[in-house]
Protein backbone atom coordinates (compact mmCIF):
# COMPACT_ATOMS: atom_id res chain seq x y z
CA MET A 1 115.24 118.07 101.56
CA ARG A 2 117.31 117.84 98.40
CA TYR A 3 114.20 117.57 96.22
CA PRO A 4 112.10 120.23 97.44
CA ASN A 5 108.93 119.43 95.16
CA ILE A 6 108.32 115.99 97.39
CA GLU A 7 107.99 118.17 100.36
CA ALA A 8 105.65 120.67 98.81
CA GLU A 9 103.45 117.89 97.08
CA ARG A 10 103.71 116.03 100.66
CA ALA A 11 102.30 119.74 102.11
CA ARG A 12 100.04 120.52 99.49
CA ASN A 13 98.40 117.31 99.81
CA GLY A 14 97.79 117.95 103.50
CA MET A 15 99.58 114.84 104.34
CA THR A 16 101.38 114.42 107.77
CA LYS A 17 105.22 112.94 107.56
CA GLU A 18 103.47 110.21 109.39
CA LYS A 19 100.78 109.63 106.73
CA PHE A 20 103.37 110.22 103.83
CA ALA A 21 105.45 107.40 105.52
CA SER A 22 102.72 104.85 106.13
CA LEU A 23 101.18 105.24 102.44
CA LEU A 24 104.98 104.52 101.20
CA GLY A 25 105.54 101.82 103.45
CA ILE A 26 108.82 103.58 105.32
CA SER A 27 109.50 104.99 108.63
CA VAL A 28 109.05 108.26 109.59
CA SER A 29 112.87 108.21 110.43
CA THR A 30 113.70 107.40 106.81
CA VAL A 31 111.53 110.53 105.36
CA LYS A 32 113.77 112.61 107.56
CA ASN A 33 117.21 111.10 106.32
CA TRP A 34 115.81 111.46 102.82
CA GLN A 35 115.05 115.13 103.50
CA ASN A 36 118.51 115.79 105.43
CA GLY A 37 120.29 113.81 102.26
CA ARG A 38 121.67 111.31 104.74
CA THR A 39 119.95 108.53 102.59
CA GLU A 40 119.26 108.34 98.66
CA ILE A 41 115.23 107.76 97.90
CA PRO A 42 115.00 104.43 95.97
CA ALA A 43 113.60 104.86 92.72
CA SER A 44 110.81 102.41 93.61
CA LYS A 45 109.63 105.19 96.16
CA ILE A 46 109.89 107.93 93.99
CA ILE A 47 107.60 106.42 91.26
CA LYS A 48 105.12 105.53 93.95
CA MET A 49 105.25 109.34 95.17
CA ALA A 50 104.27 110.11 91.55
CA ILE A 51 101.54 107.89 91.46
CA LEU A 52 100.61 109.08 94.96
CA PHE A 53 100.47 112.69 93.68
CA ASN A 54 99.51 112.39 90.12
CA VAL A 55 102.87 113.97 89.23
CA SER A 56 105.63 113.15 87.37
CA THR A 57 109.10 111.82 88.64
CA ASP A 58 110.55 114.55 86.72
CA TYR A 59 108.75 116.99 88.75
CA LEU A 60 109.48 115.27 92.10
CA LEU A 61 113.12 115.46 90.97
CA GLY A 62 113.10 119.06 90.27
CA ARG A 63 114.32 118.28 86.44
CA THR A 64 110.86 120.45 85.19
CA THR A 65 109.02 123.32 86.81
CA SER A 66 105.24 121.44 85.98
CA ASN A 67 103.84 118.56 87.12
C-alpha cells in the first residue's frame, strides 16, 4: 500500500478487509487496488477513514508520524 498507515490502522482496529470495505461503501477489490497502487484513493474516502479511525488525514497519508 502506498499509504502504510491506512493498513496499519485497519489492522490495529481489528478490521478485516471485508469489514473495512463495507464501512467505506466499497468492494474488497477496490481496497486491493488501492493497496497495489492501481487506483488512487478518493479524498472523500480518506476523510471517511480518518473519521473511522479517529486520526488525521495527514497521518493516514504519511505526512506526519503521529495520529
